[in-house]
């Protein structure tokens, strides 16, 4: 672009504007703002301690934040959050913002509305007039809020943590209707929440809430416990039922606003796409993954395992639910889609990792198109694509043919498992800690009969489970009986051989069937006139409860 290189060691913060036409960075002395299109310096602000920068959506305001310092005489400290007019360079307003978390004000996309969380209240400003608070949302101890994307009417999701036995809750409001008795568009309360993450979809019709506890009281997870909730602006809410226990690593909306993907469960983690009814649409099975990234157009999904995983990526066509490629980006700490929806950026940055810093640009078919390795005596702190507004790049048809590249391919190093000396000269036996589940489509397939309703499906499964249990009990108690005709035995064998995929559940089902067979034998003995013991009679009385438990377990098959 022709700009002189900023070579100072204190250059650790930069930001683009939302449309990519402006760029600001701090070098430890000043905050500089340039026009990317006109290639010229617009402003330079004396802010040597500023560490956070952000442009408002329409490039009207530049927000800067520096660490808060209290004054020595116990009076209020110096304001550390500054809002500058990008056009004139004048400071519009300064605020005291003690915490770095959620430091930046939230704007609506047209900048008509701006909001800040101040002393457990949400303060609203209109048309960037920061001298007058236009409205307040006051609830007891508001911990966090998220303004909805998109045009008017504006909506806001607020989170209030529970206290003294009262549950935590998330409420949705439409601006400025806060004070009426039934002003909330929707409300969802939950007890298991020390913190929450709220995610609006692009059309601002629903919010996904990840509720987290710091400690898992069952002891199953070191990372606490998470639950996923769905809240719609029409008042509907639900708990998203995740088929596998364990942490929720990532949840992301598709840009269509009609589907979302969750990555969850103890490793190897599951990934599932859900619709707005919170029903599973497609299950990607299990694998080494902890993150999900939809392309800007929403037609490609990348499932990846970064951090303490090896950087394996799965690139999926989510219209056909077909795997495109499986590249490996080892030691990556950062991932981003290019606004064109075709290219991917992965990087290894400090301070997360201070060795082997650098970045790669990929095509989604798996080829590396560009690679840059930082010299060993330097560190890479931040890397990002220049943003562009939606609609600049049209959606292109997905290709499965690997795009050619001039960058030599690197075969990822495969770490071999440790083998004790006594086994090193012996044949290797294949063994797996986990059986990985394959992907499966959860939608009713075209050409099939009309799908049953939830109630009808539940009743059908109950009937099949009961029939299977009784038939198995009858066969096991009569070993001398001749085998039934093949026509009758087929449905029983089909049902009894179905498994839940969970060894623990299968073991419970097997034990329950064993108990029910024993009860059947006791009932026959009683019918033949044999006097039963007290404990045997108690076993017979438990038959109904055991059948119910068996039915519940079989429903998950």
Protein backbone atom coordinates (compact mmCIF):
# COMPACT_ATOMS: atom_id res chain seq x y z
CA UNK A 1 0.00 0.00 0.00
CA UNK A 2 2.99 2.33 0.30
CA UNK A 3 2.78 3.07 4.05
CA UNK A 4 6.06 3.12 5.99
CA UNK A 5 6.56 0.05 8.14
CA UNK A 6 5.92 0.55 11.89
CA UNK A 7 8.91 -1.24 13.40
CA UNK A 8 8.59 -0.27 17.07
CA UNK A 9 8.33 -3.05 19.66
CA UNK A 10 5.38 -1.37 21.38
CA UNK A 11 3.02 -1.71 18.41
CA UNK A 12 0.59 -4.26 19.88
CA UNK A 13 -2.91 -3.02 18.95
CA UNK A 14 -4.66 -2.25 15.67
CA UNK A 15 -8.14 -2.36 14.17
CA UNK A 16 -9.91 -1.99 10.83
CA UNK A 17 -13.25 -0.22 10.39
CA UNK A 18 -16.22 -2.50 9.64
CA UNK A 19 -16.05 -1.70 5.90
CA UNK A 20 -12.25 -1.92 5.78
CA UNK A 21 -11.72 1.67 4.58
CA UNK A 22 -10.08 2.94 7.81
CA UNK A 23 -7.21 1.53 9.84
CA UNK A 24 -5.96 2.57 13.31
CA UNK A 25 -3.00 1.38 15.34
CA UNK A 26 -1.11 2.27 18.50
CA UNK A 27 2.70 2.35 18.69
CA UNK A 28 3.18 3.09 22.39
CA UNK A 29 3.24 6.83 21.76
CA UNK A 30 0.29 7.74 19.53
CA UNK A 31 -2.88 6.29 18.04
CA UNK A 32 -2.75 6.84 14.28
CA UNK A 33 -5.76 6.69 11.95
CA UNK A 34 -5.31 6.32 8.20
CA UNK A 35 -7.58 6.03 5.17
CA UNK A 36 -6.88 2.75 3.40
CA UNK A 37 -8.51 3.96 0.17
CA UNK A 38 -6.91 7.43 0.05
CA UNK A 39 -3.63 6.19 1.56
CA UNK A 40 -3.19 9.11 3.88
CA UNK A 41 -2.92 9.88 7.62
CA UNK A 42 -6.18 11.28 8.99
CA UNK A 43 -5.46 11.77 12.71
CA UNK A 44 -2.87 11.14 15.37
CA UNK A 45 -3.88 11.09 19.04
CA UNK A 46 -1.48 11.30 22.01
CA UNK A 47 -2.52 8.11 23.81
CA UNK A 48 0.65 6.22 24.76
CA UNK A 49 -1.15 3.79 27.11
CA UNK A 50 -4.09 2.86 24.86
CA UNK A 51 -4.32 -0.90 24.33
CA UNK A 52 -7.83 -1.30 22.81
CA UNK A 53 -9.25 0.34 19.67
CA UNK A 54 -12.62 0.06 17.92
CA UNK A 55 -14.48 1.94 15.17
CA UNK A 56 -18.24 2.48 15.28
CA UNK A 57 -20.17 0.65 12.48
CA UNK A 58 -20.43 3.69 10.15
CA UNK A 59 -16.90 5.04 10.91
CA UNK A 60 -18.21 8.06 12.84
CA UNK A 61 -16.48 7.34 16.18
CA UNK A 62 -13.17 5.81 17.25
CA UNK A 63 -13.27 4.32 20.77
CA UNK A 64 -10.00 3.88 22.69
CA UNK A 65 -9.36 2.29 26.10
CA UNK A 66 -6.37 2.31 28.42
CA UNK A 67 -5.95 0.68 31.87
CA UNK A 68 -7.75 2.58 34.63
CA UNK A 69 -5.70 4.21 37.38
CA UNK A 70 -7.28 5.56 40.56
CA UNK A 71 -6.15 8.94 41.93
CA UNK A 72 -4.14 9.12 45.15
CA UNK A 73 -6.63 11.33 47.02
CA UNK A 74 -9.50 8.75 46.74
CA UNK A 75 -11.43 10.88 44.26
CA UNK A 76 -12.64 9.50 40.96
CA UNK A 77 -9.78 8.55 38.65
CA UNK A 78 -9.02 9.96 35.24
CA UNK A 79 -11.45 8.87 32.49
CA UNK A 80 -9.80 6.10 30.47
CA UNK A 81 -12.41 5.44 27.74
CA UNK A 82 -12.29 8.07 24.99
CA UNK A 83 -14.68 8.53 22.07
CA UNK A 84 -13.24 10.57 19.16
CA UNK A 85 -15.05 12.05 16.16
CA UNK A 86 -13.27 10.44 13.19
CA UNK A 87 -14.11 13.34 10.87
CA UNK A 88 -12.83 16.23 13.04
CA UNK A 89 -10.51 14.43 15.48
CA UNK A 90 -12.18 16.05 18.51
CA UNK A 91 -12.95 14.09 21.68
CA UNK A 92 -16.72 13.69 21.92
CA UNK A 93 -16.79 12.20 25.42
CA UNK A 94 -14.64 10.51 28.06
CA UNK A 95 -15.88 7.86 30.49
CA UNK A 96 -14.44 5.92 33.39
CA UNK A 97 -14.39 2.24 32.37
CA UNK A 98 -12.54 0.19 35.00
CA UNK A 99 -12.76 -3.28 33.47
CA UNK A 100 -11.19 -4.27 30.18
CA UNK A 101 -13.92 -6.88 29.65
CA UNK A 102 -16.78 -5.44 27.55
CA UNK A 103 -14.96 -2.07 27.51
CA UNK A 104 -16.34 -0.92 24.16
CA UNK A 105 -19.80 0.66 23.83
CA UNK A 106 -22.25 -1.25 21.62
CA UNK A 107 -23.72 0.49 18.58
CA UNK A 108 -26.66 -0.42 16.41
CA UNK A 109 -25.64 -0.89 12.76
CA UNK A 110 -27.04 2.54 11.76
CA UNK A 111 -25.46 4.20 14.86
CA UNK A 112 -28.84 5.55 15.95
CA UNK A 113 -28.35 3.74 19.25
CA UNK A 114 -25.33 3.25 21.50
CA UNK A 115 -25.33 1.42 24.85
CA UNK A 116 -23.00 0.95 27.85
CA UNK A 117 -23.27 -1.10 31.04
CA UNK A 118 -22.78 1.33 33.95
CA UNK A 119 -23.20 0.30 37.60
CA UNK A 120 -25.57 -2.58 36.79
CA UNK A 121 -27.66 -0.44 34.45
CA UNK A 122 -27.66 -0.22 30.65
CA UNK A 123 -27.40 3.41 29.50
CA UNK A 124 -28.62 4.23 25.97
CA UNK A 125 -27.46 7.19 23.87
CA UNK A 126 -29.07 8.27 20.59
CA UNK A 127 -27.39 9.62 17.43
CA UNK A 128 -23.94 9.68 19.12
CA UNK A 129 -25.00 12.38 21.57
CA UNK A 130 -23.05 11.15 24.61
CA UNK A 131 -23.91 14.13 26.83
CA UNK A 132 -27.51 12.99 27.28
CA UNK A 133 -28.65 9.55 28.45
CA UNK A 134 -31.72 8.94 26.26
CA UNK A 135 -32.91 5.85 28.14
CA UNK A 136 -31.98 3.44 30.92
CA UNK A 137 -32.66 -0.25 31.44
CA UNK A 138 -32.56 -0.88 35.16
CA UNK A 139 -32.74 -4.36 36.67
CA UNK A 140 -31.11 -5.45 39.88
CA UNK A 141 -27.46 -6.26 39.13
CA UNK A 142 -27.36 -6.46 35.33
CA UNK A 143 -24.12 -8.30 34.64
CA UNK A 144 -24.04 -8.24 30.84
CA UNK A 145 -26.06 -7.20 27.79
CA UNK A 146 -25.92 -7.70 24.02
CA UNK A 147 -27.52 -5.37 21.48
CA UNK A 148 -29.20 -7.07 18.52
CA UNK A 149 -27.72 -6.77 15.00
CA UNK A 150 -29.65 -5.45 12.02
CA UNK A 151 -32.10 -2.58 11.52
CA UNK A 152 -34.91 -1.27 13.74
CA UNK A 153 -36.68 -2.26 15.91
CA UNK A 154 -33.65 -2.66 18.19
CA UNK A 155 -33.63 -5.42 20.77
CA UNK A 156 -31.39 -6.07 23.75
CA UNK A 157 -30.63 -9.26 25.71
CA UNK A 158 -29.68 -8.77 29.38
CA UNK A 159 -28.28 -11.23 31.90
CA UNK A 160 -28.88 -10.99 35.65
CA UNK A 161 -27.03 -13.53 37.84
CA UNK A 162 -28.96 -15.36 40.56
CA UNK A 163 -28.53 -14.61 44.26
CA UNK A 164 -29.92 -15.86 47.60
CA UNK A 165 -31.61 -18.88 46.07
CA UNK A 166 -33.14 -16.96 43.17
CA UNK A 167 -32.29 -18.22 39.67
CA UNK A 168 -30.23 -16.39 37.06
CA UNK A 169 -32.16 -15.16 34.04
CA UNK A 170 -31.80 -13.73 30.54
CA UNK A 171 -34.50 -11.37 29.24
CA UNK A 172 -35.09 -9.92 25.80
CA UNK A 173 -36.47 -6.38 25.43
CA UNK A 174 -37.38 -4.16 22.50
CA UNK A 175 -36.03 -0.62 22.73
CA UNK A 176 -37.33 1.57 24.38
CA UNK A 177 -40.09 -0.57 25.99
CA UNK A 178 -38.47 -1.38 29.35
CA UNK A 179 -40.84 -0.21 32.08
CA UNK A 180 -44.23 -1.78 31.34
CA UNK A 181 -45.23 -4.73 33.61
CA UNK A 182 -44.93 -7.24 30.75
CA UNK A 183 -42.37 -5.38 28.67
CA UNK A 184 -40.00 -8.34 28.21
CA UNK A 185 -40.30 -10.12 24.87
CA UNK A 186 -38.99 -13.33 26.41
CA UNK A 187 -37.54 -14.60 29.68
CA UNK A 188 -35.44 -17.69 30.48
CA UNK A 189 -34.29 -18.53 34.00
CA UNK A 190 -31.78 -21.17 35.13
CA UNK A 191 -30.03 -22.11 38.35
CA UNK A 192 -26.76 -23.46 36.95
CA UNK A 193 -25.07 -20.24 35.79
CA UNK A 194 -22.06 -18.31 37.10
CA UNK A 195 -21.61 -16.62 33.71
CA UNK A 196 -23.33 -16.66 30.34
CA UNK A 197 -22.52 -16.04 26.68
CA UNK A 198 -25.37 -14.59 24.60
CA UNK A 199 -25.39 -14.97 20.81
CA UNK A 200 -27.94 -13.18 18.59
CA UNK A 201 -28.64 -14.58 15.14
CA UNK A 202 -28.18 -12.23 12.18
CA UNK A 203 -31.91 -11.55 11.76
CA UNK A 204 -32.30 -10.74 15.51
CA UNK A 205 -35.11 -13.28 15.95
CA UNK A 206 -33.44 -15.50 18.57
CA UNK A 207 -30.61 -15.71 21.11
CA UNK A 208 -28.52 -18.73 22.10
CA UNK A 209 -27.35 -18.66 25.71
CA UNK A 210 -24.43 -20.76 26.95
CA UNK A 211 -24.80 -20.89 30.75
CA UNK A 212 -21.62 -21.94 32.59
CA UNK A 213 -20.76 -22.82 36.16
CA UNK A 214 -17.22 -22.48 37.47
CA UNK A 215 -17.40 -25.85 39.27
CA UNK A 216 -19.06 -29.07 38.17
CA UNK A 217 -20.52 -30.39 41.43
CA UNK A 218 -20.79 -33.92 39.99
CA UNK A 219 -17.01 -33.95 39.57
CA UNK A 220 -17.34 -35.05 35.93
CA UNK A 221 -15.47 -32.06 34.49
CA UNK A 222 -12.58 -29.87 35.62
CA UNK A 223 -13.97 -27.01 33.51
CA UNK A 224 -17.32 -26.64 35.26
CA UNK A 225 -20.67 -27.40 33.68
CA UNK A 226 -22.38 -25.82 30.65
CA UNK A 227 -25.93 -25.86 29.32
CA UNK A 228 -27.29 -24.43 26.06
CA UNK A 229 -30.58 -22.50 25.92
CA UNK A 230 -32.60 -21.10 23.02
CA UNK A 231 -34.70 -17.94 23.45
CA UNK A 232 -36.80 -16.43 20.63
CA UNK A 233 -38.20 -12.88 20.50
CA UNK A 234 -41.71 -14.35 20.10
CA UNK A 235 -41.47 -15.67 23.68
CA UNK A 236 -40.52 -19.28 22.91
CA UNK A 237 -37.63 -20.82 24.84
CA UNK A 238 -36.09 -24.25 25.21
CA UNK A 239 -33.11 -26.15 26.56
CA UNK A 240 -31.11 -27.54 23.65
CA UNK A 241 -30.75 -31.28 24.34
CA UNK A 242 -27.16 -32.32 23.60
CA UNK A 243 -26.83 -36.11 23.13
CA UNK A 244 -23.35 -36.34 24.71
CA UNK A 245 -22.29 -35.26 28.20
CA UNK A 246 -19.39 -32.90 28.70
CA UNK A 247 -18.30 -29.30 28.04
CA UNK A 248 -19.77 -27.07 25.36
CA UNK A 249 -16.72 -25.87 23.41
CA UNK A 250 -18.35 -23.67 20.78
CA UNK A 251 -21.74 -22.60 19.43
CA UNK A 252 -22.15 -20.61 16.22
CA UNK A 253 -25.11 -19.35 14.15
CA UNK A 254 -25.30 -19.84 10.40
CA UNK A 255 -25.67 -16.51 8.56
CA UNK A 256 -29.10 -17.74 7.38
CA UNK A 257 -30.28 -17.42 11.04
CA UNK A 258 -32.22 -20.69 10.66
CA UNK A 259 -29.57 -23.15 11.94
CA UNK A 260 -26.78 -23.28 14.48
CA UNK A 261 -23.90 -25.67 15.15
CA UNK A 262 -22.76 -26.83 18.59
CA UNK A 263 -19.46 -28.58 19.43
CA UNK A 264 -19.76 -30.42 22.75
CA UNK A 265 -19.07 -33.51 24.85
CA UNK A 266 -16.02 -35.16 26.35
CA UNK A 267 -13.31 -35.86 23.78
CA UNK A 268 -13.70 -37.00 21.08
CA UNK A 269 -16.30 -34.23 20.86
CA UNK A 270 -19.56 -34.33 18.91
CA UNK A 271 -20.72 -31.60 16.52
CA UNK A 272 -24.38 -31.23 15.57
CA UNK A 273 -26.40 -28.77 13.49
CA UNK A 274 -29.80 -27.84 14.99
CA UNK A 275 -32.78 -26.00 13.51
CA UNK A 276 -34.91 -23.32 15.21
CA UNK A 277 -37.02 -26.04 16.87
CA UNK A 278 -33.78 -27.24 18.52
CA UNK A 279 -34.11 -30.53 16.65
CA UNK A 280 -30.88 -32.06 15.27
CA UNK A 281 -30.55 -31.69 11.47
CA UNK A 282 -27.13 -33.29 10.93
CA UNK A 283 -24.71 -35.01 13.31
CA UNK A 284 -21.04 -34.87 12.30
CA UNK A 285 -20.17 -37.75 14.62
CA UNK A 286 -17.20 -37.51 16.99
CA UNK A 287 -13.68 -36.23 16.45
CA UNK A 288 -10.80 -34.13 17.85
CA UNK A 289 -12.48 -30.70 17.64
CA UNK A 290 -13.35 -27.75 19.85
CA UNK A 291 -14.39 -24.97 17.45
CA UNK A 292 -16.78 -24.31 14.55
CA UNK A 293 -16.64 -21.57 11.89
CA UNK A 294 -19.31 -20.88 9.24
CA UNK A 295 -18.17 -19.14 6.06
CA UNK A 296 -19.54 -15.59 5.53
CA UNK A 297 -22.15 -16.92 3.07
CA UNK A 298 -23.07 -19.80 5.41
CA UNK A 299 -22.54 -22.53 2.81
CA UNK A 300 -19.33 -24.03 4.27
CA UNK A 301 -18.60 -25.09 7.85
CA UNK A 302 -15.16 -25.74 9.30
CA UNK A 303 -14.87 -27.93 12.41
CA UNK A 304 -11.43 -27.59 14.00
CA UNK A 305 -9.38 -28.71 16.98
CA UNK A 306 -7.03 -25.91 18.10
CA UNK A 307 -5.34 -25.06 21.40
CA UNK A 308 -4.36 -28.32 23.08
CA UNK A 309 -5.48 -30.32 20.00
CA UNK A 310 -3.37 -30.93 16.89
CA UNK A 311 -5.03 -28.45 14.53
CA UNK A 312 -7.08 -30.90 12.48
CA UNK A 313 -9.80 -29.24 10.38
CA UNK A 314 -12.86 -30.72 8.64
CA UNK A 315 -14.32 -28.56 5.85
CA UNK A 316 -17.98 -29.41 5.13
CA UNK A 317 -20.42 -28.42 2.40
CA UNK A 318 -23.49 -27.77 4.60
CA UNK A 319 -25.97 -27.76 1.72
CA UNK A 320 -25.15 -31.36 0.75
CA UNK A 321 -23.51 -32.26 4.10
CA UNK A 322 -20.52 -33.59 2.24
CA UNK A 323 -16.89 -33.47 3.42
CA UNK A 324 -14.71 -31.25 1.20
CA UNK A 325 -11.25 -31.54 2.78
CA UNK A 326 -9.35 -32.36 5.99
CA UNK A 327 -6.32 -30.05 6.25
CA UNK A 328 -4.12 -29.81 9.36
CA UNK A 329 -2.97 -26.44 10.76
CA UNK A 330 -0.65 -27.45 13.60
CA UNK A 331 -0.14 -25.14 16.61
CA UNK A 332 -2.72 -22.62 15.35
CA UNK A 333 -4.04 -20.05 17.83
CA UNK A 334 -6.18 -18.05 15.38
CA UNK A 335 -8.63 -18.83 12.57
CA UNK A 336 -10.59 -16.49 10.29
CA UNK A 337 -12.60 -16.75 7.09
CA UNK A 338 -11.78 -14.29 4.31
CA UNK A 339 -14.81 -12.11 3.43
CA UNK A 340 -14.84 -13.76 -0.04
CA UNK A 341 -15.92 -17.08 1.55
CA UNK A 342 -13.16 -19.01 -0.27
CA UNK A 343 -9.98 -18.47 1.72
CA UNK A 344 -8.99 -19.20 5.30
CA UNK A 345 -6.36 -17.63 7.55
CA UNK A 346 -4.68 -19.59 10.34
CA UNK A 347 -1.95 -18.16 12.56
CA UNK A 348 0.30 -18.98 15.50
CA UNK A 349 0.54 -15.84 17.66
CA UNK A 350 2.17 -14.67 20.87
CA UNK A 351 1.63 -14.66 23.79
CA UNK A 352 -0.37 -17.91 23.39
CA UNK A 353 2.68 -19.48 21.70
CA UNK A 354 6.00 -17.68 21.50
CA UNK A 355 7.77 -20.10 19.11
CA UNK A 356 7.10 -20.95 15.46
CA UNK A 357 5.00 -17.81 15.01
CA UNK A 358 3.60 -17.16 11.55
CA UNK A 359 0.48 -17.44 9.41
CA UNK A 360 -0.90 -19.40 6.44
CA UNK A 361 -3.54 -18.62 3.85
CA UNK A 362 -5.51 -21.66 2.69
CA UNK A 363 -8.11 -22.44 0.07
CA UNK A 364 -11.00 -24.33 1.66
CA UNK A 365 -10.17 -27.37 -0.52
CA UNK A 366 -7.07 -27.86 1.65
CA UNK A 367 -4.18 -26.29 -0.27
CA UNK A 368 -1.83 -23.69 1.31
CA UNK A 369 -1.61 -20.70 -1.05
CA UNK A 370 0.71 -18.49 1.05
CA UNK A 371 2.89 -18.99 4.10
CA UNK A 372 4.88 -16.60 6.28
CA UNK A 373 7.18 -17.65 9.14
CA UNK A 374 8.24 -14.98 11.63
CA UNK A 375 12.03 -14.88 12.31
CA UNK A 376 13.05 -16.77 15.46
CA UNK A 377 13.98 -13.56 17.29
CA UNK A 378 10.55 -11.95 16.66
CA UNK A 379 6.93 -12.57 17.67
CA UNK A 380 3.62 -12.29 15.82
CA UNK A 381 0.95 -10.64 17.97
CA UNK A 382 -2.02 -10.11 15.69
CA UNK A 383 -3.12 -10.89 12.13
CA UNK A 384 -6.46 -10.37 10.36
CA UNK A 385 -8.20 -9.96 7.01
CA UNK A 386 -9.24 -6.53 5.78
CA UNK A 387 -13.04 -6.49 6.34
CA UNK A 388 -15.59 -5.85 3.58
CA UNK A 389 -19.31 -5.21 3.85
CA UNK A 390 -21.76 -8.05 3.17
CA UNK A 391 -22.66 -8.42 -0.49
CA UNK A 392 -19.31 -7.23 -1.90
CA UNK A 393 -18.30 -10.82 -2.68
CA UNK A 394 -20.99 -13.01 -4.32
CA UNK A 395 -21.39 -16.61 -3.21
CA UNK A 396 -19.57 -19.02 -5.54
CA UNK A 397 -20.35 -22.67 -6.27
CA UNK A 398 -18.47 -25.08 -4.02
CA UNK A 399 -15.64 -27.02 -5.64
CA UNK A 400 -14.24 -30.33 -4.39
CA UNK A 401 -11.17 -30.24 -6.66
CA UNK A 402 -8.05 -29.20 -4.74
CA UNK A 403 -6.87 -25.77 -5.90
CA UNK A 404 -3.24 -25.90 -7.17
CA UNK A 405 -0.58 -24.10 -5.14
CA UNK A 406 3.08 -23.07 -5.55
CA UNK A 407 3.73 -23.51 -1.82
CA UNK A 408 5.38 -26.90 -1.16
CA UNK A 409 3.10 -29.09 0.93
CA UNK A 410 4.22 -30.18 4.37
CA UNK A 411 3.34 -33.60 5.63
CA UNK A 412 2.18 -33.20 9.23
CA UNK A 413 4.37 -35.04 11.71
CA UNK A 414 2.52 -38.05 13.06
CA UNK A 415 3.35 -38.59 16.70
CA UNK A 416 3.82 -42.28 17.41
CA UNK A 417 2.49 -43.72 20.62
CA UNK A 418 4.97 -44.58 23.36
CA UNK A 419 5.83 -48.29 23.50
CA UNK A 420 7.60 -49.81 26.49
CA UNK A 421 10.93 -51.54 25.72
CA UNK A 422 9.45 -55.03 26.16
CA UNK A 423 6.98 -54.45 23.29
CA UNK A 424 9.16 -52.57 20.81
CA UNK A 425 10.20 -55.60 18.73
CA UNK A 426 6.75 -57.16 18.70
CA UNK A 427 3.90 -56.67 16.20
CA UNK A 428 1.76 -53.58 16.75
CA UNK A 429 -1.81 -54.31 17.79
CA UNK A 430 -4.42 -51.75 16.83
CA UNK A 431 -6.36 -50.46 19.83
CA UNK A 432 -8.51 -47.38 20.31
CA UNK A 433 -9.38 -45.55 23.49
CA UNK A 434 -12.65 -44.36 21.90
CA UNK A 435 -14.87 -45.65 19.16
CA UNK A 436 -15.52 -42.67 16.91
CA UNK A 437 -19.10 -42.19 15.73
CA UNK A 438 -19.66 -41.60 12.00
CA UNK A 439 -21.65 -38.62 10.64
CA UNK A 440 -25.39 -39.14 10.11
CA UNK A 441 -28.21 -37.12 8.62
CA UNK A 442 -30.97 -36.52 11.16
CA UNK A 443 -33.52 -35.16 8.65
CA UNK A 444 -36.36 -37.40 7.38
CA UNK A 445 -35.16 -38.67 3.99
CA UNK A 446 -37.19 -37.77 0.85
CA UNK A 447 -39.27 -40.66 -0.50
CA UNK A 448 -39.93 -42.03 2.96
CA UNK A 449 -43.35 -42.00 4.54
CA UNK A 450 -44.49 -38.82 6.24
CA UNK A 451 -42.48 -38.52 9.48
CA UNK A 452 -44.31 -39.41 12.67
CA UNK A 453 -45.07 -36.78 15.27
CA UNK A 454 -43.00 -36.75 18.46
CA UNK A 455 -45.83 -38.35 20.45
CA UNK A 456 -46.45 -41.05 17.85
CA UNK A 457 -42.73 -41.81 17.60
CA UNK A 458 -42.45 -42.04 21.39
CA UNK A 459 -45.43 -44.40 21.60
CA UNK A 460 -44.05 -46.54 18.77
CA UNK A 461 -40.68 -46.88 20.53
CA UNK A 462 -42.37 -47.72 23.83
CA UNK A 463 -44.41 -50.42 22.14
CA UNK A 464 -41.32 -51.89 20.43
CA UNK A 465 -39.29 -51.81 23.65
CA UNK A 466 -42.03 -53.54 25.65
CA UNK A 467 -42.55 -56.13 22.94
CA UNK A 468 -38.82 -56.85 22.73
CA UNK A 469 -38.45 -57.19 26.51
CA UNK A 470 -41.39 -59.60 26.82
CA UNK A 471 -40.33 -61.69 23.85
CA UNK A 472 -36.77 -61.98 25.09
CA UNK A 473 -37.96 -62.92 28.58
CA UNK A 474 -40.27 -65.59 27.11
CA UNK A 475 -37.51 -67.12 24.96
CA UNK A 476 -34.91 -67.11 27.75
CA UNK A 477 -37.20 -68.86 30.25
CA UNK A 478 -38.09 -71.64 27.77
CA UNK A 479 -34.79 -73.00 26.45
CA UNK A 480 -36.30 -76.35 25.44
CA UNK A 481 -38.95 -74.84 23.19
CA UNK A 482 -38.44 -75.31 19.44
CA UNK A 483 -37.26 -72.16 17.65
CA UNK A 484 -39.98 -69.90 16.34
CA UNK A 485 -40.46 -69.59 12.58
CA UNK A 486 -38.05 -67.20 10.89
CA UNK A 487 -40.92 -64.86 9.97
CA UNK A 488 -41.70 -64.22 13.68
CA UNK A 489 -38.13 -64.06 14.93
CA UNK A 490 -37.02 -61.32 12.54
CA UNK A 491 -38.55 -58.30 14.33
CA UNK A 492 -37.34 -59.50 17.73
CA UNK A 493 -33.75 -59.96 16.60
CA UNK A 494 -33.79 -56.57 14.87
CA UNK A 495 -34.88 -54.78 18.04
CA UNK A 496 -32.78 -56.69 20.55
CA UNK A 497 -29.60 -56.20 18.54
CA UNK A 498 -30.00 -52.41 18.32
CA UNK A 499 -27.58 -50.59 20.55
CA UNK A 500 -27.51 -47.10 21.97
CA UNK A 501 -23.89 -46.51 21.03
CA UNK A 502 -23.15 -45.99 24.73
CA UNK A 503 -21.63 -49.07 26.44
CA UNK A 504 -22.91 -47.89 29.84
CA UNK A 505 -26.51 -47.67 28.58
CA UNK A 506 -26.26 -51.07 26.86
CA UNK A 507 -25.01 -52.61 30.12
CA UNK A 508 -27.97 -51.14 32.04
CA UNK A 509 -30.45 -52.46 29.44
CA UNK A 510 -28.90 -55.93 29.66
CA UNK A 511 -29.14 -55.97 33.48
CA UNK A 512 -32.76 -54.79 33.42
CA UNK A 513 -33.75 -57.54 30.98
CA UNK A 514 -32.02 -60.10 33.21
CA UNK A 515 -34.04 -58.90 36.23
CA UNK A 516 -37.30 -59.02 34.23
CA UNK A 517 -36.57 -62.63 33.16
CA UNK A 518 -36.04 -63.57 36.81
CA UNK A 519 -39.37 -61.92 37.76
CA UNK A 520 -41.14 -63.88 34.99
CA UNK A 521 -39.78 -67.13 36.42
CA UNK A 522 -40.89 -66.19 39.96
CA UNK A 523 -44.43 -65.43 38.71
CA UNK A 524 -44.59 -68.83 37.04
CA UNK A 525 -43.45 -70.54 40.23
CA UNK A 526 -46.13 -68.68 42.20
CA UNK A 527 -48.77 -69.71 39.65
CA UNK A 528 -47.67 -73.36 40.07
CA UNK A 529 -48.42 -73.11 43.80
CA UNK A 530 -44.91 -72.60 45.18
CA UNK A 531 -44.68 -70.51 48.35
CA UNK A 532 -42.41 -67.51 47.63
CA UNK A 533 -40.12 -65.77 50.09
CA UNK A 534 -40.73 -62.13 51.14
CA UNK A 535 -37.78 -60.80 49.10
CA UNK A 536 -39.05 -62.70 46.04
CA UNK A 537 -42.48 -61.09 46.38
CA UNK A 538 -40.79 -57.67 46.64
CA UNK A 539 -38.95 -58.40 43.38
CA UNK A 540 -42.26 -59.08 41.61
CA UNK A 541 -43.65 -55.78 42.92
CA UNK A 542 -40.77 -53.94 41.23
CA UNK A 543 -41.67 -55.27 37.75
CA UNK A 544 -43.64 -52.16 36.71
CA UNK A 545 -40.82 -49.77 37.73
CA UNK A 546 -38.22 -51.91 35.93
CA UNK A 547 -40.31 -52.01 32.75
CA UNK A 548 -40.67 -48.22 32.85
CA UNK A 549 -36.91 -47.78 33.33
CA UNK A 550 -36.23 -50.17 30.43
CA UNK A 551 -38.63 -48.26 28.18
CA UNK A 552 -36.91 -44.97 29.01
CA UNK A 553 -33.50 -46.39 28.17
CA UNK A 554 -34.75 -48.06 24.97
CA UNK A 555 -36.19 -44.73 23.76
CA UNK A 556 -32.70 -43.43 23.26
CA UNK A 557 -31.80 -46.29 20.88
